Amino acid sequence: MEISPEQLDAFRAIYRAKFGVELTPQEALEKAIALLTLMKAVYQPMTEKDMAQVRERKSHLMNPE
């Protein structure tokens, strides 16, 4: 997994703004890789069928019978 220096700098800035902690480049790289690994494991694109199911559930929640 490749993370460019610019991406790592952006990650460090976001982390500093959110948590008030300044990460070293090595700490930032480790945390960024861990986050990307988690996102890769958890995130799955939705199919049209999945989206239709979400819309139907939302419709039932908004208009209970």
N, C-alpha and C. Protein backbone atom coordinates (compact mmCIF):
# COMPACT_ATOMS: atom_id res chain seq x y z
N MET A 1 0.86 -1.18 0.00
CA MET A 1 0.00 0.00 0.00
C MET A 1 0.90 1.24 0.00
N GLU A 2 0.75 2.05 -0.99
CA GLU A 2 1.58 3.25 -1.15
C GLU A 2 0.83 4.47 -0.63
N ILE A 3 1.51 5.25 0.17
CA ILE A 3 0.98 6.53 0.65
C ILE A 3 2.02 7.58 0.31
N SER A 4 1.62 8.57 -0.47
CA SER A 4 2.57 9.60 -0.90
C SER A 4 2.90 10.52 0.28
N PRO A 5 4.03 11.23 0.19
CA PRO A 5 4.37 12.19 1.24
C PRO A 5 3.28 13.26 1.42
N GLU A 6 2.66 13.67 0.32
CA GLU A 6 1.59 14.68 0.42
C GLU A 6 0.37 14.11 1.15
N GLN A 7 0.03 12.86 0.86
CA GLN A 7 -1.09 12.22 1.55
C GLN A 7 -0.79 12.06 3.03
N LEU A 8 0.43 11.69 3.34
CA LEU A 8 0.83 11.52 4.74
C LEU A 8 0.79 12.85 5.48
N ASP A 9 1.25 13.92 4.85
CA ASP A 9 1.18 15.25 5.46
C ASP A 9 -0.27 15.65 5.71
N ALA A 10 -1.15 15.35 4.75
CA ALA A 10 -2.57 15.67 4.92
C ALA A 10 -3.15 14.86 6.08
N PHE A 11 -2.80 13.59 6.17
CA PHE A 11 -3.28 12.75 7.27
C PHE A 11 -2.80 13.30 8.60
N ARG A 12 -1.54 13.69 8.68
CA ARG A 12 -1.01 14.26 9.93
C ARG A 12 -1.75 15.53 10.32
N ALA A 13 -2.06 16.37 9.34
CA ALA A 13 -2.77 17.62 9.62
C ALA A 13 -4.19 17.34 10.12
N ILE A 14 -4.87 16.40 9.48
CA ILE A 14 -6.23 16.04 9.92
C ILE A 14 -6.19 15.45 11.32
N TYR A 15 -5.24 14.57 11.58
CA TYR A 15 -5.11 13.94 12.89
C TYR A 15 -4.84 14.99 13.97
N ARG A 16 -3.94 15.93 13.66
CA ARG A 16 -3.61 17.00 14.61
C ARG A 16 -4.84 17.86 14.89
N ALA A 17 -5.60 18.20 13.85
CA ALA A 17 -6.79 19.04 14.02
C ALA A 17 -7.87 18.31 14.82
N LYS A 18 -8.01 17.02 14.59
CA LYS A 18 -9.08 16.25 15.23
C LYS A 18 -8.73 15.87 16.66
N PHE A 19 -7.49 15.44 16.90
CA PHE A 19 -7.11 14.89 18.20
C PHE A 19 -6.12 15.76 18.99
N GLY A 20 -5.59 16.81 18.38
CA GLY A 20 -4.66 17.69 19.08
C GLY A 20 -3.32 17.04 19.36
N VAL A 21 -2.96 16.04 18.57
CA VAL A 21 -1.71 15.31 18.76
C VAL A 21 -0.89 15.40 17.48
N GLU A 22 0.38 15.73 17.65
CA GLU A 22 1.30 15.79 16.50
C GLU A 22 1.97 14.43 16.35
N LEU A 23 1.72 13.77 15.24
CA LEU A 23 2.32 12.46 14.99
C LEU A 23 3.65 12.61 14.28
N THR A 24 4.57 11.72 14.59
CA THR A 24 5.81 11.65 13.81
C THR A 24 5.43 11.06 12.45
N PRO A 25 6.29 11.24 11.45
CA PRO A 25 5.98 10.62 10.16
C PRO A 25 5.78 9.11 10.26
N GLN A 26 6.57 8.44 11.08
CA GLN A 26 6.44 6.98 11.23
C GLN A 26 5.11 6.62 11.90
N GLU A 27 4.73 7.35 12.95
CA GLU A 27 3.44 7.10 13.61
C GLU A 27 2.29 7.33 12.64
N ALA A 28 2.39 8.41 11.88
CA ALA A 28 1.34 8.73 10.92
C ALA A 28 1.22 7.64 9.87
N LEU A 29 2.34 7.16 9.39
CA LEU A 29 2.33 6.09 8.38
C LEU A 29 1.66 4.84 8.94
N GLU A 30 2.02 4.46 10.16
CA GLU A 30 1.44 3.27 10.78
C GLU A 30 -0.07 3.43 10.96
N LYS A 31 -0.50 4.59 11.44
CA LYS A 31 -1.93 4.82 11.66
C LYS A 31 -2.69 4.91 10.34
N ALA A 32 -2.09 5.53 9.35
CA ALA A 32 -2.74 5.64 8.04
C ALA A 32 -2.91 4.27 7.40
N ILE A 33 -1.89 3.44 7.48
CA ILE A 33 -1.98 2.09 6.93
C ILE A 33 -3.03 1.27 7.68
N ALA A 34 -3.06 1.41 9.00
CA ALA A 34 -4.07 0.69 9.79
C ALA A 34 -5.47 1.13 9.40
N LEU A 35 -5.67 2.42 9.21
CA LEU A 35 -6.99 2.93 8.81
C LEU A 35 -7.37 2.43 7.42
N LEU A 36 -6.45 2.49 6.49
CA LEU A 36 -6.73 2.02 5.13
C LEU A 36 -7.02 0.52 5.11
N THR A 37 -6.30 -0.24 5.91
CA THR A 37 -6.53 -1.68 6.00
C THR A 37 -7.92 -1.97 6.55
N LEU A 38 -8.32 -1.23 7.57
CA LEU A 38 -9.66 -1.39 8.14
C LEU A 38 -10.73 -1.03 7.12
N MET A 39 -10.55 0.09 6.45
CA MET A 39 -11.54 0.53 5.46
C MET A 39 -11.66 -0.49 4.33
N LYS A 40 -10.54 -1.05 3.91
CA LYS A 40 -10.57 -2.05 2.85
C LYS A 40 -11.34 -3.29 3.29
N ALA A 41 -11.20 -3.67 4.56
CA ALA A 41 -11.90 -4.85 5.07
C ALA A 41 -13.39 -4.60 5.27
N VAL A 42 -13.75 -3.38 5.66
CA VAL A 42 -15.13 -3.08 6.03
C VAL A 42 -15.95 -2.56 4.86
N TYR A 43 -15.38 -1.72 4.05
CA TYR A 43 -16.13 -1.04 3.00
C TYR A 43 -16.33 -1.95 1.80
N GLN A 44 -17.55 -2.07 1.37
CA GLN A 44 -17.88 -2.79 0.15
C GLN A 44 -18.84 -1.91 -0.65
N PRO A 45 -18.58 -1.72 -1.92
CA PRO A 45 -19.50 -0.91 -2.73
C PRO A 45 -20.89 -1.53 -2.75
N MET A 46 -21.90 -0.68 -2.85
CA MET A 46 -23.28 -1.16 -2.90
C MET A 46 -23.66 -1.48 -4.34
N THR A 47 -24.39 -2.58 -4.49
CA THR A 47 -24.94 -2.91 -5.79
C THR A 47 -26.28 -2.19 -5.95
N GLU A 48 -26.81 -2.20 -7.15
CA GLU A 48 -28.13 -1.60 -7.37
C GLU A 48 -29.18 -2.30 -6.52
N LYS A 49 -29.06 -3.62 -6.38
CA LYS A 49 -30.00 -4.39 -5.56
C LYS A 49 -29.92 -3.95 -4.09
N ASP A 50 -28.69 -3.78 -3.58
CA ASP A 50 -28.51 -3.30 -2.20
C ASP A 50 -29.16 -1.94 -2.02
N MET A 51 -28.95 -1.06 -2.98
CA MET A 51 -29.50 0.30 -2.89
C MET A 51 -31.02 0.26 -2.91
N ALA A 52 -31.61 -0.61 -3.72
CA ALA A 52 -33.06 -0.74 -3.76
C ALA A 52 -33.60 -1.21 -2.42
N GLN A 53 -32.89 -2.13 -1.76
CA GLN A 53 -33.31 -2.60 -0.44
C GLN A 53 -33.25 -1.48 0.58
N VAL A 54 -32.22 -0.67 0.53
CA VAL A 54 -32.09 0.47 1.44
C VAL A 54 -33.24 1.44 1.23
N ARG A 55 -33.54 1.74 -0.02
CA ARG A 55 -34.65 2.66 -0.32
C ARG A 55 -35.97 2.11 0.20
N GLU A 56 -36.18 0.81 0.03
CA GLU A 56 -37.44 0.20 0.49
C GLU A 56 -37.54 0.26 2.01
N ARG A 57 -36.46 -0.06 2.71
CA ARG A 57 -36.48 0.02 4.18
C ARG A 57 -36.72 1.45 4.64
N LYS A 58 -36.08 2.40 3.98
CA LYS A 58 -36.26 3.81 4.33
C LYS A 58 -37.71 4.22 4.11
N SER A 59 -38.29 3.77 3.02
CA SER A 59 -39.68 4.10 2.72
C SER A 59 -40.60 3.54 3.79
N HIS A 60 -40.35 2.32 4.25
CA HIS A 60 -41.18 1.72 5.30
C HIS A 60 -41.00 2.46 6.63
N LEU A 61 -39.81 2.91 6.90
CA LEU A 61 -39.58 3.65 8.15
C LEU A 61 -40.25 5.02 8.12
N MET A 62 -40.24 5.65 6.96
CA MET A 62 -40.82 6.99 6.84
C MET A 62 -42.34 6.94 6.73
N ASN A 63 -42.89 5.82 6.26
CA ASN A 63 -44.33 5.68 6.07
C ASN A 63 -44.83 4.38 6.69
N PRO A 64 -44.75 4.25 8.02
CA PRO A 64 -45.20 2.99 8.64
C PRO A 64 -46.70 2.79 8.45
N GLU A 65 -47.09 1.54 8.30
CA GLU A 65 -48.51 1.26 8.08
C GLU A 65 -49.10 0.50 9.22
